[in-house]
Amino acid sequence: MFRGLKTRAVKFWKSRGTAAVEFALLAPLMLAIYLGVIELTSLLLVERKIIAATETVADLVSQESVITPDEVDDVITAARRIFDPYDTAQLTLNIASIRFNTDTGAPEIEWQRITSSSDGDSTILTQAVDLGKPGEGVVIAYLTYSHTPIFGILTGTVSLDEISFLRPRLAPVVKCSTASATCSN
């Protein structure tokens, strides 16, 4: 019994070099795969947050017939809270209430709020084409985010965006309580 154990111990001791070489060859690959899975998981979680925030913003705005600038601020705050724990410095949110001209049916901006100094999505009106009939309206929420990878496995920043369209529930068009085209104070 001890003789078999001794033989196995000697074989293990001699094969130790082979195992070390195999480990040296496979360890970097296994580490890269592990870090890549973490990066992709992080990217998917951010994408889910973006979808949830965009849909929530459109839903909250579409529940109003007239919205105040303070309520729009609250909706923006809600979107940022949904995005926790991720950094919202790279988050741009564009909320627009679109009405369709009663004569031509062409989309027109009733009001629009963009949360960054950039112009957000300058093609928001082209996104609204054919979404309603003359006299109707639609609420559009467009969110963009620049995600920086944790470990740098994915090179550079990844730009993510999501757009959500909802019909107003209480009125044909969601109006702003002020005359401001940006629905801000």
N, C-alpha and C. Protein backbone atom coordinates (compact mmCIF):
# COMPACT_ATOMS: atom_id res chain seq x y z
N MET A 1 0.82 -1.18 0.00
CA MET A 1 0.00 0.00 0.00
C MET A 1 0.87 1.26 0.00
N PHE A 2 1.91 1.27 0.84
CA PHE A 2 2.78 2.43 0.88
C PHE A 2 3.64 2.52 -0.36
N ARG A 3 3.90 1.38 -0.99
CA ARG A 3 4.72 1.36 -2.19
C ARG A 3 3.98 2.08 -3.34
N GLY A 4 2.67 1.85 -3.47
CA GLY A 4 1.88 2.52 -4.51
C GLY A 4 1.78 4.03 -4.26
N LEU A 5 1.70 4.38 -3.00
CA LEU A 5 1.63 5.79 -2.65
C LEU A 5 2.95 6.48 -2.98
N LYS A 6 4.04 5.78 -2.72
CA LYS A 6 5.36 6.34 -2.99
C LYS A 6 5.55 6.51 -4.50
N THR A 7 5.07 5.55 -5.29
CA THR A 7 5.19 5.63 -6.75
C THR A 7 4.40 6.81 -7.30
N ARG A 8 3.21 6.99 -6.76
CA ARG A 8 2.40 8.12 -7.20
C ARG A 8 3.05 9.45 -6.82
N ALA A 9 3.62 9.52 -5.66
CA ALA A 9 4.29 10.76 -5.22
C ALA A 9 5.48 11.08 -6.12
N VAL A 10 6.24 10.07 -6.52
CA VAL A 10 7.39 10.29 -7.40
C VAL A 10 6.91 10.76 -8.77
N LYS A 11 5.84 10.16 -9.31
CA LYS A 11 5.31 10.57 -10.60
C LYS A 11 4.82 12.02 -10.55
N PHE A 12 4.15 12.36 -9.45
CA PHE A 12 3.67 13.73 -9.31
C PHE A 12 4.85 14.70 -9.27
N TRP A 13 5.86 14.36 -8.53
CA TRP A 13 7.03 15.24 -8.40
C TRP A 13 7.71 15.45 -9.74
N LYS A 14 7.81 14.41 -10.57
CA LYS A 14 8.46 14.51 -11.88
C LYS A 14 7.60 15.29 -12.87
N SER A 15 6.29 15.20 -12.74
CA SER A 15 5.40 15.90 -13.69
C SER A 15 5.17 17.35 -13.31
N ARG A 16 5.75 17.79 -12.23
CA ARG A 16 5.56 19.16 -11.77
C ARG A 16 6.05 20.18 -12.80
N GLY A 17 7.10 19.91 -13.50
CA GLY A 17 7.63 20.82 -14.51
C GLY A 17 6.67 20.98 -15.67
N THR A 18 6.06 19.88 -16.09
CA THR A 18 5.09 19.94 -17.18
C THR A 18 3.90 20.79 -16.78
N ALA A 19 3.44 20.61 -15.57
CA ALA A 19 2.30 21.39 -15.09
C ALA A 19 2.64 22.87 -15.02
N ALA A 20 3.85 23.19 -14.62
CA ALA A 20 4.27 24.59 -14.52
C ALA A 20 4.31 25.24 -15.91
N VAL A 21 4.79 24.50 -16.89
CA VAL A 21 4.84 25.03 -18.26
C VAL A 21 3.42 25.22 -18.80
N GLU A 22 2.56 24.25 -18.57
CA GLU A 22 1.17 24.37 -19.01
C GLU A 22 0.49 25.57 -18.34
N PHE A 23 0.75 25.73 -17.05
CA PHE A 23 0.16 26.86 -16.35
C PHE A 23 0.69 28.18 -16.92
N ALA A 24 1.98 28.25 -17.19
CA ALA A 24 2.57 29.47 -17.73
C ALA A 24 1.99 29.82 -19.10
N LEU A 25 1.64 28.80 -19.88
CA LEU A 25 1.06 29.06 -21.19
C LEU A 25 -0.42 29.44 -21.12
N LEU A 26 -1.15 28.83 -20.21
CA LEU A 26 -2.59 29.05 -20.14
C LEU A 26 -3.02 30.19 -19.21
N ALA A 27 -2.21 30.53 -18.22
CA ALA A 27 -2.61 31.55 -17.24
C ALA A 27 -2.93 32.91 -17.88
N PRO A 28 -2.10 33.43 -18.80
CA PRO A 28 -2.45 34.73 -19.41
C PRO A 28 -3.77 34.67 -20.19
N LEU A 29 -3.98 33.57 -20.89
CA LEU A 29 -5.23 33.42 -21.65
C LEU A 29 -6.42 33.36 -20.70
N MET A 30 -6.30 32.59 -19.63
CA MET A 30 -7.40 32.48 -18.67
C MET A 30 -7.66 33.82 -17.97
N LEU A 31 -6.62 34.57 -17.66
CA LEU A 31 -6.77 35.87 -17.04
C LEU A 31 -7.46 36.85 -18.00
N ALA A 32 -7.06 36.82 -19.27
CA ALA A 32 -7.69 37.70 -20.27
C ALA A 32 -9.17 37.37 -20.43
N ILE A 33 -9.50 36.10 -20.45
CA ILE A 33 -10.90 35.69 -20.57
C ILE A 33 -11.68 36.15 -19.33
N TYR A 34 -11.11 35.97 -18.16
CA TYR A 34 -11.77 36.38 -16.92
C TYR A 34 -12.02 37.89 -16.90
N LEU A 35 -11.01 38.68 -17.23
CA LEU A 35 -11.17 40.13 -17.25
C LEU A 35 -12.14 40.56 -18.35
N GLY A 36 -12.12 39.88 -19.47
CA GLY A 36 -13.05 40.18 -20.56
C GLY A 36 -14.49 39.93 -20.15
N VAL A 37 -14.72 38.87 -19.41
CA VAL A 37 -16.08 38.57 -18.93
C VAL A 37 -16.54 39.66 -17.96
N ILE A 38 -15.65 40.13 -17.11
CA ILE A 38 -16.00 41.23 -16.19
C ILE A 38 -16.34 42.48 -16.98
N GLU A 39 -15.53 42.81 -18.00
CA GLU A 39 -15.78 43.99 -18.83
C GLU A 39 -17.13 43.89 -19.54
N LEU A 40 -17.41 42.75 -20.15
CA LEU A 40 -18.67 42.58 -20.87
C LEU A 40 -19.87 42.62 -19.93
N THR A 41 -19.72 42.04 -18.74
CA THR A 41 -20.79 42.09 -17.76
C THR A 41 -21.07 43.53 -17.34
N SER A 42 -20.01 44.28 -17.11
CA SER A 42 -20.16 45.69 -16.75
C SER A 42 -20.86 46.46 -17.87
N LEU A 43 -20.47 46.20 -19.10
CA LEU A 43 -21.09 46.87 -20.25
C LEU A 43 -22.57 46.51 -20.37
N LEU A 44 -22.91 45.25 -20.14
CA LEU A 44 -24.31 44.84 -20.19
C LEU A 44 -25.14 45.46 -19.07
N LEU A 45 -24.55 45.57 -17.88
CA LEU A 45 -25.26 46.21 -16.77
C LEU A 45 -25.52 47.69 -17.06
N VAL A 46 -24.54 48.37 -17.64
CA VAL A 46 -24.74 49.77 -18.01
C VAL A 46 -25.82 49.89 -19.07
N GLU A 47 -25.82 48.99 -20.04
CA GLU A 47 -26.84 49.02 -21.09
C GLU A 47 -28.24 48.83 -20.49
N ARG A 48 -28.37 47.93 -19.52
CA ARG A 48 -29.66 47.73 -18.87
C ARG A 48 -30.10 48.98 -18.12
N LYS A 49 -29.16 49.66 -17.47
CA LYS A 49 -29.47 50.90 -16.76
C LYS A 49 -29.93 51.98 -17.74
N ILE A 50 -29.28 52.05 -18.89
CA ILE A 50 -29.64 53.04 -19.90
C ILE A 50 -31.06 52.79 -20.40
N ILE A 51 -31.39 51.55 -20.67
CA ILE A 51 -32.74 51.20 -21.14
C ILE A 51 -33.77 51.57 -20.07
N ALA A 52 -33.50 51.19 -18.82
CA ALA A 52 -34.44 51.48 -17.74
C ALA A 52 -34.63 52.98 -17.55
N ALA A 53 -33.54 53.74 -17.58
CA ALA A 53 -33.64 55.19 -17.38
C ALA A 53 -34.40 55.85 -18.52
N THR A 54 -34.12 55.45 -19.75
CA THR A 54 -34.79 56.06 -20.90
C THR A 54 -36.29 55.77 -20.88
N GLU A 55 -36.65 54.53 -20.63
CA GLU A 55 -38.07 54.18 -20.59
C GLU A 55 -38.80 54.86 -19.43
N THR A 56 -38.13 54.99 -18.30
CA THR A 56 -38.74 55.65 -17.15
C THR A 56 -38.98 57.13 -17.43
N VAL A 57 -38.01 57.79 -18.04
CA VAL A 57 -38.16 59.21 -18.36
C VAL A 57 -39.35 59.41 -19.29
N ALA A 58 -39.40 58.64 -20.35
CA ALA A 58 -40.51 58.77 -21.30
C ALA A 58 -41.84 58.48 -20.61
N ASP A 59 -41.88 57.48 -19.75
CA ASP A 59 -43.11 57.12 -19.04
C ASP A 59 -43.56 58.23 -18.10
N LEU A 60 -42.64 58.80 -17.33
CA LEU A 60 -43.00 59.85 -16.38
C LEU A 60 -43.51 61.11 -17.09
N VAL A 61 -42.86 61.48 -18.18
CA VAL A 61 -43.28 62.69 -18.90
C VAL A 61 -44.62 62.45 -19.60
N SER A 62 -44.82 61.26 -20.15
CA SER A 62 -46.07 61.00 -20.88
C SER A 62 -47.29 60.93 -19.98
N GLN A 63 -47.10 60.86 -18.67
CA GLN A 63 -48.21 60.83 -17.72
C GLN A 63 -48.79 62.21 -17.42
N GLU A 64 -48.17 63.25 -17.96
CA GLU A 64 -48.60 64.62 -17.69
C GLU A 64 -49.28 65.22 -18.91
N SER A 65 -50.18 66.16 -18.67
CA SER A 65 -50.74 66.94 -19.79
C SER A 65 -49.99 68.26 -19.90
N VAL A 66 -49.63 68.81 -18.73
CA VAL A 66 -48.80 70.01 -18.65
C VAL A 66 -47.73 69.72 -17.61
N ILE A 67 -46.49 69.95 -17.96
CA ILE A 67 -45.38 69.66 -17.06
C ILE A 67 -44.65 70.94 -16.72
N THR A 68 -44.20 71.05 -15.49
CA THR A 68 -43.46 72.24 -15.06
C THR A 68 -41.96 71.99 -15.19
N PRO A 69 -41.17 73.05 -15.25
CA PRO A 69 -39.72 72.86 -15.29
C PRO A 69 -39.18 72.10 -14.08
N ASP A 70 -39.79 72.32 -12.91
CA ASP A 70 -39.36 71.58 -11.71
C ASP A 70 -39.65 70.09 -11.85
N GLU A 71 -40.77 69.75 -12.47
CA GLU A 71 -41.08 68.33 -12.68
C GLU A 71 -40.12 67.71 -13.68
N VAL A 72 -39.72 68.47 -14.69
CA VAL A 72 -38.73 67.97 -15.64
C VAL A 72 -37.41 67.74 -14.92
N ASP A 73 -37.04 68.66 -14.02
CA ASP A 73 -35.82 68.47 -13.21
C ASP A 73 -35.91 67.19 -12.38
N ASP A 74 -37.10 66.94 -11.81
CA ASP A 74 -37.30 65.72 -11.01
C ASP A 74 -37.17 64.46 -11.87
N VAL A 75 -37.67 64.53 -13.09
CA VAL A 75 -37.56 63.38 -14.01
C VAL A 75 -36.09 63.12 -14.34
N ILE A 76 -35.33 64.18 -14.56
CA ILE A 76 -33.90 64.04 -14.85
C ILE A 76 -33.18 63.45 -13.65
N THR A 77 -33.54 63.91 -12.46
CA THR A 77 -32.94 63.36 -11.23
C THR A 77 -33.27 61.87 -11.10
N ALA A 78 -34.50 61.51 -11.43
CA ALA A 78 -34.90 60.09 -11.37
C ALA A 78 -34.05 59.26 -12.32
N ALA A 79 -33.81 59.77 -13.51
CA ALA A 79 -32.97 59.04 -14.48
C ALA A 79 -31.57 58.85 -13.94
N ARG A 80 -31.03 59.87 -13.30
CA ARG A 80 -29.68 59.76 -12.72
C ARG A 80 -29.65 58.78 -11.56
N ARG A 81 -30.72 58.73 -10.78
CA ARG A 81 -30.79 57.78 -9.66
C ARG A 81 -30.89 56.34 -10.17
N ILE A 82 -31.60 56.15 -11.25
CA ILE A 82 -31.67 54.82 -11.84
C ILE A 82 -30.28 54.38 -12.27
N PHE A 83 -29.50 55.34 -12.71
CA PHE A 83 -28.16 55.05 -13.23
C PHE A 83 -27.14 54.77 -12.14
N ASP A 84 -27.49 54.99 -10.88
CA ASP A 84 -26.57 54.69 -9.77
C ASP A 84 -26.20 53.22 -9.81
N PRO A 85 -25.02 52.83 -9.50
CA PRO A 85 -23.87 53.54 -8.94
C PRO A 85 -22.90 54.07 -10.00
N TYR A 86 -23.28 54.06 -11.26
CA TYR A 86 -22.38 54.50 -12.32
C TYR A 86 -22.30 56.03 -12.38
N ASP A 87 -21.17 56.52 -12.84
CA ASP A 87 -20.92 57.96 -12.94
C ASP A 87 -21.83 58.57 -14.00
N THR A 88 -22.54 59.63 -13.64
CA THR A 88 -23.45 60.26 -14.59
C THR A 88 -22.83 61.46 -15.30
N ALA A 89 -21.53 61.68 -15.12
CA ALA A 89 -20.88 62.81 -15.78
C ALA A 89 -20.91 62.65 -17.30
N GLN A 90 -20.87 61.42 -17.79
CA GLN A 90 -20.88 61.16 -19.23
C GLN A 90 -22.28 60.87 -19.77
N LEU A 91 -23.29 61.17 -18.98
CA LEU A 91 -24.67 60.87 -19.32
C LEU A 91 -25.34 62.11 -19.93
N THR A 92 -25.91 61.96 -21.11
CA THR A 92 -26.65 63.03 -21.76
C THR A 92 -28.07 62.56 -21.98
N LEU A 93 -29.01 63.36 -21.54
CA LEU A 93 -30.42 63.01 -21.67
C LEU A 93 -31.12 64.11 -22.46
N ASN A 94 -31.85 63.70 -23.47
CA ASN A 94 -32.62 64.63 -24.30
C ASN A 94 -34.08 64.22 -24.19
N ILE A 95 -34.90 65.10 -23.61
CA ILE A 95 -36.33 64.85 -23.47
C ILE A 95 -37.05 65.83 -24.38
N ALA A 96 -37.95 65.33 -25.20
CA ALA A 96 -38.67 66.22 -26.12
C ALA A 96 -40.14 65.83 -26.18
N SER A 97 -40.97 66.87 -26.22
CA SER A 97 -42.38 66.68 -26.49
C SER A 97 -42.60 67.16 -27.92
N ILE A 98 -43.05 66.25 -28.75
CA ILE A 98 -43.22 66.55 -30.18
C ILE A 98 -44.72 66.62 -30.49
N ARG A 99 -45.11 67.61 -31.25
CA ARG A 99 -46.49 67.70 -31.74
C ARG A 99 -46.45 67.59 -33.26
N PHE A 100 -47.49 67.06 -33.81
CA PHE A 100 -47.58 66.93 -35.26
C PHE A 100 -48.50 68.03 -35.77
N ASN A 101 -47.99 68.82 -36.68
CA ASN A 101 -48.69 69.98 -37.23
C ASN A 101 -50.08 69.57 -37.69
N THR A 102 -51.08 70.36 -37.30
CA THR A 102 -52.47 70.00 -37.63
C THR A 102 -52.76 70.08 -39.12
N ASP A 103 -51.98 70.85 -39.86
CA ASP A 103 -52.20 70.97 -41.31
C ASP A 103 -51.36 69.97 -42.10
N THR A 104 -50.05 69.95 -41.82
CA THR A 104 -49.13 69.13 -42.63
C THR A 104 -48.82 67.77 -42.01
N GLY A 105 -49.00 67.65 -40.71
CA GLY A 105 -48.63 66.40 -40.04
C GLY A 105 -47.14 66.28 -39.77
N ALA A 106 -46.37 67.33 -40.07
CA ALA A 106 -44.92 67.31 -39.84
C ALA A 106 -44.63 67.45 -38.35
N PRO A 107 -43.64 66.72 -37.85
CA PRO A 107 -43.30 66.82 -36.43
C PRO A 107 -42.66 68.18 -36.12
N GLU A 108 -43.05 68.75 -34.97
CA GLU A 108 -42.50 70.01 -34.49
C GLU A 108 -42.21 69.86 -33.00
N ILE A 109 -41.17 70.52 -32.54
CA ILE A 109 -40.82 70.44 -31.13
C ILE A 109 -41.72 71.38 -30.33
N GLU A 110 -42.47 70.81 -29.39
CA GLU A 110 -43.26 71.60 -28.45
C GLU A 110 -42.33 72.19 -27.40
N TRP A 111 -41.51 71.34 -26.81
CA TRP A 111 -40.44 71.75 -25.90
C TRP A 111 -39.42 70.62 -25.85
N GLN A 112 -38.20 70.98 -25.45
CA GLN A 112 -37.11 70.00 -25.41
C GLN A 112 -36.13 70.40 -24.32
N ARG A 113 -35.65 69.41 -23.56
CA ARG A 113 -34.65 69.67 -22.52
C ARG A 113 -33.49 68.74 -22.77
N ILE A 114 -32.29 69.31 -22.87
CA ILE A 114 -31.05 68.54 -23.05
C ILE A 114 -30.18 68.80 -21.84
N THR A 115 -29.65 67.73 -21.23
CA THR A 115 -28.96 67.86 -19.95
C THR A 115 -27.46 68.13 -20.05
N SER A 116 -26.94 68.34 -21.22
CA SER A 116 -25.51 68.65 -21.31
C SER A 116 -25.32 69.84 -22.23
N SER A 117 -24.09 70.30 -22.32
CA SER A 117 -23.80 71.46 -23.16
C SER A 117 -23.81 71.11 -24.64
N SER A 118 -23.73 69.80 -24.97
CA SER A 118 -23.80 69.42 -26.38
C SER A 118 -25.24 69.49 -26.86
N ASP A 119 -25.45 69.43 -28.17
CA ASP A 119 -26.83 69.53 -28.66
C ASP A 119 -27.59 68.22 -28.55
N GLY A 120 -27.02 67.20 -27.92
CA GLY A 120 -27.74 65.93 -27.79
C GLY A 120 -27.98 65.33 -29.16
N ASP A 121 -29.17 64.85 -29.39
CA ASP A 121 -29.50 64.27 -30.68
C ASP A 121 -30.16 65.34 -31.55
N SER A 122 -29.44 65.81 -32.54
CA SER A 122 -29.97 66.86 -33.41
C SER A 122 -30.98 66.32 -34.40
N THR A 123 -31.13 64.99 -34.47
CA THR A 123 -32.06 64.38 -35.42
C THR A 123 -33.35 63.92 -34.74
N ILE A 124 -33.70 64.52 -33.62
CA ILE A 124 -34.87 64.06 -32.87
C ILE A 124 -36.15 64.20 -33.68
N LEU A 125 -36.24 65.21 -34.52
CA LEU A 125 -37.45 65.37 -35.35
C LEU A 125 -37.53 64.30 -36.43
N THR A 126 -36.40 63.90 -36.97
CA THR A 126 -36.45 62.84 -37.98
C THR A 126 -36.83 61.50 -37.36
N GLN A 127 -36.52 61.33 -36.07
CA GLN A 127 -36.94 60.11 -35.37
C GLN A 127 -38.45 60.06 -35.20
N ALA A 128 -39.09 61.23 -35.16
CA ALA A 128 -40.53 61.29 -34.89
C ALA A 128 -41.39 61.20 -36.14
N VAL A 129 -40.78 61.20 -37.31
CA VAL A 129 -41.55 61.16 -38.56
C VAL A 129 -42.40 59.89 -38.60
N ASP A 130 -43.65 60.05 -38.97
CA ASP A 130 -44.62 58.95 -39.11
C ASP A 130 -45.01 58.28 -37.79
N LEU A 131 -44.77 58.94 -36.66
CA LEU A 131 -45.17 58.36 -35.38
C LEU A 131 -46.53 58.86 -34.90
N GLY A 132 -47.11 59.81 -35.63
CA GLY A 132 -48.41 60.31 -35.21
C GLY A 132 -49.15 60.98 -36.34
N LYS A 133 -50.41 61.25 -36.08
CA LYS A 133 -51.27 61.93 -37.05
C LYS A 133 -51.33 63.41 -36.70
N PRO A 134 -51.79 64.24 -37.63
CA PRO A 134 -51.90 65.68 -37.33
C PRO A 134 -52.71 65.93 -36.07
N GLY A 135 -52.17 66.82 -35.21
CA GLY A 135 -52.83 67.16 -33.96
C GLY A 135 -52.42 66.29 -32.78
N GLU A 136 -51.75 65.17 -33.04
CA GLU A 136 -51.31 64.28 -31.97
C GLU A 136 -49.91 64.69 -31.50
N GLY A 137 -49.40 63.95 -30.55
CA GLY A 137 -48.06 64.22 -30.04
C GLY A 137 -47.38 62.93 -29.62
N VAL A 138 -46.10 63.05 -29.32
CA VAL A 138 -45.31 61.93 -28.84
C VAL A 138 -44.22 62.48 -27.92
N VAL A 139 -43.87 61.71 -26.91
CA VAL A 139 -42.77 62.06 -26.01
C VAL A 139 -41.58 61.20 -26.39
N ILE A 140 -40.44 61.85 -26.56
CA ILE A 140 -39.23 61.13 -26.93
C ILE A 140 -38.18 61.35 -25.84
N ALA A 141 -37.60 60.27 -25.37
CA ALA A 141 -36.48 60.34 -24.44
C ALA A 141 -35.29 59.66 -25.12
N TYR A 142 -34.20 60.39 -25.21
CA TYR A 142 -32.99 59.89 -25.87
C TYR A 142 -31.83 60.04 -24.91
N LEU A 143 -31.17 58.94 -24.58
CA LEU A 143 -30.08 58.96 -23.62
C LEU A 143 -28.82 58.44 -24.28
N THR A 144 -27.71 59.12 -24.06
CA THR A 144 -26.40 58.65 -24.53
C THR A 144 -25.45 58.60 -23.34
N TYR A 145 -24.52 57.67 -23.41
CA TYR A 145 -23.55 57.49 -22.33
C TYR A 145 -22.24 56.99 -22.91
N SER A 146 -21.16 57.55 -22.44
CA SER A 146 -19.82 57.10 -22.84
C SER A 146 -19.26 56.25 -21.70
N HIS A 147 -19.18 54.95 -21.94
CA HIS A 147 -18.72 54.01 -20.91
C HIS A 147 -17.22 53.77 -21.06
N THR A 148 -16.50 53.96 -19.98
CA THR A 148 -15.06 53.69 -19.96
C THR A 148 -14.86 52.31 -19.32
N PRO A 149 -14.19 51.40 -20.02
CA PRO A 149 -13.98 50.06 -19.48
C PRO A 149 -13.19 50.08 -18.17
N ILE A 150 -13.44 49.10 -17.33
CA ILE A 150 -12.81 49.02 -16.01
C ILE A 150 -11.32 48.69 -16.14
N PHE A 151 -10.99 47.64 -16.89
CA PHE A 151 -9.61 47.17 -16.98
C PHE A 151 -8.92 47.57 -18.27
N GLY A 152 -9.65 48.08 -19.22
CA GLY A 152 -9.03 48.45 -20.49
C GLY A 152 -8.92 47.30 -21.47
N ILE A 153 -9.60 46.19 -21.21
CA ILE A 153 -9.60 45.07 -22.15
C ILE A 153 -10.27 45.53 -23.44
N LEU A 154 -11.42 46.21 -23.30
CA LEU A 154 -12.06 46.85 -24.45
C LEU A 154 -11.38 48.21 -24.58
N THR A 155 -10.77 48.46 -25.70
CA THR A 155 -9.99 49.69 -25.84
C THR A 155 -10.89 50.89 -26.07
N GLY A 156 -10.55 52.00 -25.45
CA GLY A 156 -11.29 53.24 -25.62
C GLY A 156 -12.64 53.22 -24.93
N THR A 157 -13.36 54.31 -25.07
CA THR A 157 -14.70 54.38 -24.50
C THR A 157 -15.71 53.80 -25.47
N VAL A 158 -16.78 53.30 -24.93
CA VAL A 158 -17.84 52.72 -25.73
C VAL A 158 -19.05 53.65 -25.62
N SER A 159 -19.55 54.12 -26.74
CA SER A 159 -20.72 54.99 -26.74
C SER A 159 -21.98 54.14 -26.81
N LEU A 160 -22.86 54.37 -25.86
CA LEU A 160 -24.13 53.64 -25.80
C LEU A 160 -25.26 54.66 -25.89
N ASP A 161 -26.34 54.30 -26.55
CA ASP A 161 -27.50 55.19 -26.62
C ASP A 161 -28.77 54.37 -26.68
N GLU A 162 -29.85 55.02 -26.26
CA GLU A 162 -31.16 54.39 -26.25
C GLU A 162 -32.20 55.48 -26.49
N ILE A 163 -33.25 55.14 -27.21
CA ILE A 163 -34.32 56.08 -27.48
C ILE A 163 -35.65 55.39 -27.15
N SER A 164 -36.56 56.17 -26.57
CA SER A 164 -37.86 55.63 -26.20
C SER A 164 -38.95 56.61 -26.63
N PHE A 165 -40.01 56.09 -27.23
CA PHE A 165 -41.14 56.88 -27.70
C PHE A 165 -42.39 56.44 -26.94
N LEU A 166 -43.14 57.40 -26.44
CA LEU A 166 -44.43 57.09 -25.80
C LEU A 166 -45.44 58.16 -26.16
N ARG A 167 -46.68 57.76 -26.26
CA ARG A 167 -47.76 58.71 -26.51
C ARG A 167 -48.18 59.34 -25.18
N PRO A 168 -48.52 60.62 -25.20
CA PRO A 168 -49.06 61.24 -23.99
C PRO A 168 -50.37 60.57 -23.58
N ARG A 169 -50.60 60.44 -22.30
CA ARG A 169 -51.77 59.71 -21.82
C ARG A 169 -52.98 60.60 -21.55
N LEU A 170 -52.74 61.83 -21.09
CA LEU A 170 -53.85 62.67 -20.65
C LEU A 170 -54.25 63.75 -21.64
N ALA A 171 -53.42 64.02 -22.61
CA ALA A 171 -53.69 65.08 -23.58
C ALA A 171 -53.01 64.69 -24.90
N PRO A 172 -53.41 65.30 -25.99
CA PRO A 172 -52.75 64.96 -27.26
C PRO A 172 -51.26 65.28 -27.27
N VAL A 173 -50.87 66.35 -26.56
CA VAL A 173 -49.47 66.78 -26.52
C VAL A 173 -49.13 67.18 -25.09
N VAL A 174 -47.94 66.81 -24.60
CA VAL A 174 -47.49 67.26 -23.29
C VAL A 174 -46.90 68.65 -23.46
N LYS A 175 -47.52 69.62 -22.79
CA LYS A 175 -47.08 71.00 -22.89
C LYS A 175 -46.28 71.39 -21.66
N CYS A 176 -45.47 72.44 -21.80
CA CYS A 176 -44.71 72.98 -20.69
C CYS A 176 -45.51 74.11 -20.06
N SER A 177 -45.46 74.23 -18.74
CA SER A 177 -46.25 75.27 -18.06
C SER A 177 -45.70 76.67 -18.30
N THR A 178 -44.47 76.77 -18.76
CA THR A 178 -43.90 78.08 -19.11
C THR A 178 -43.85 78.20 -20.62
N ALA A 179 -43.56 79.39 -21.08
CA ALA A 179 -43.46 79.61 -22.53
C ALA A 179 -42.09 79.19 -23.07
N SER A 180 -41.25 78.64 -22.20
CA SER A 180 -39.89 78.27 -22.60
C SER A 180 -39.89 77.04 -23.50
N ALA A 181 -39.12 77.12 -24.58
CA ALA A 181 -39.00 75.98 -25.49
C ALA A 181 -38.12 74.88 -24.90
N THR A 182 -37.40 75.21 -23.81
CA THR A 182 -36.55 74.21 -23.16
C THR A 182 -37.21 73.67 -21.90
N CYS A 183 -38.36 74.19 -21.54
CA CYS A 183 -39.08 73.80 -20.31
C CYS A 183 -38.16 73.84 -19.11
N SER A 184 -37.45 74.97 -18.99
CA SER A 184 -36.57 75.17 -17.84
C SER A 184 -36.85 76.53 -17.23
N ASN A 185 -36.40 76.69 -15.99
CA ASN A 185 -36.63 77.96 -15.28
C ASN A 185 -35.72 79.04 -15.80
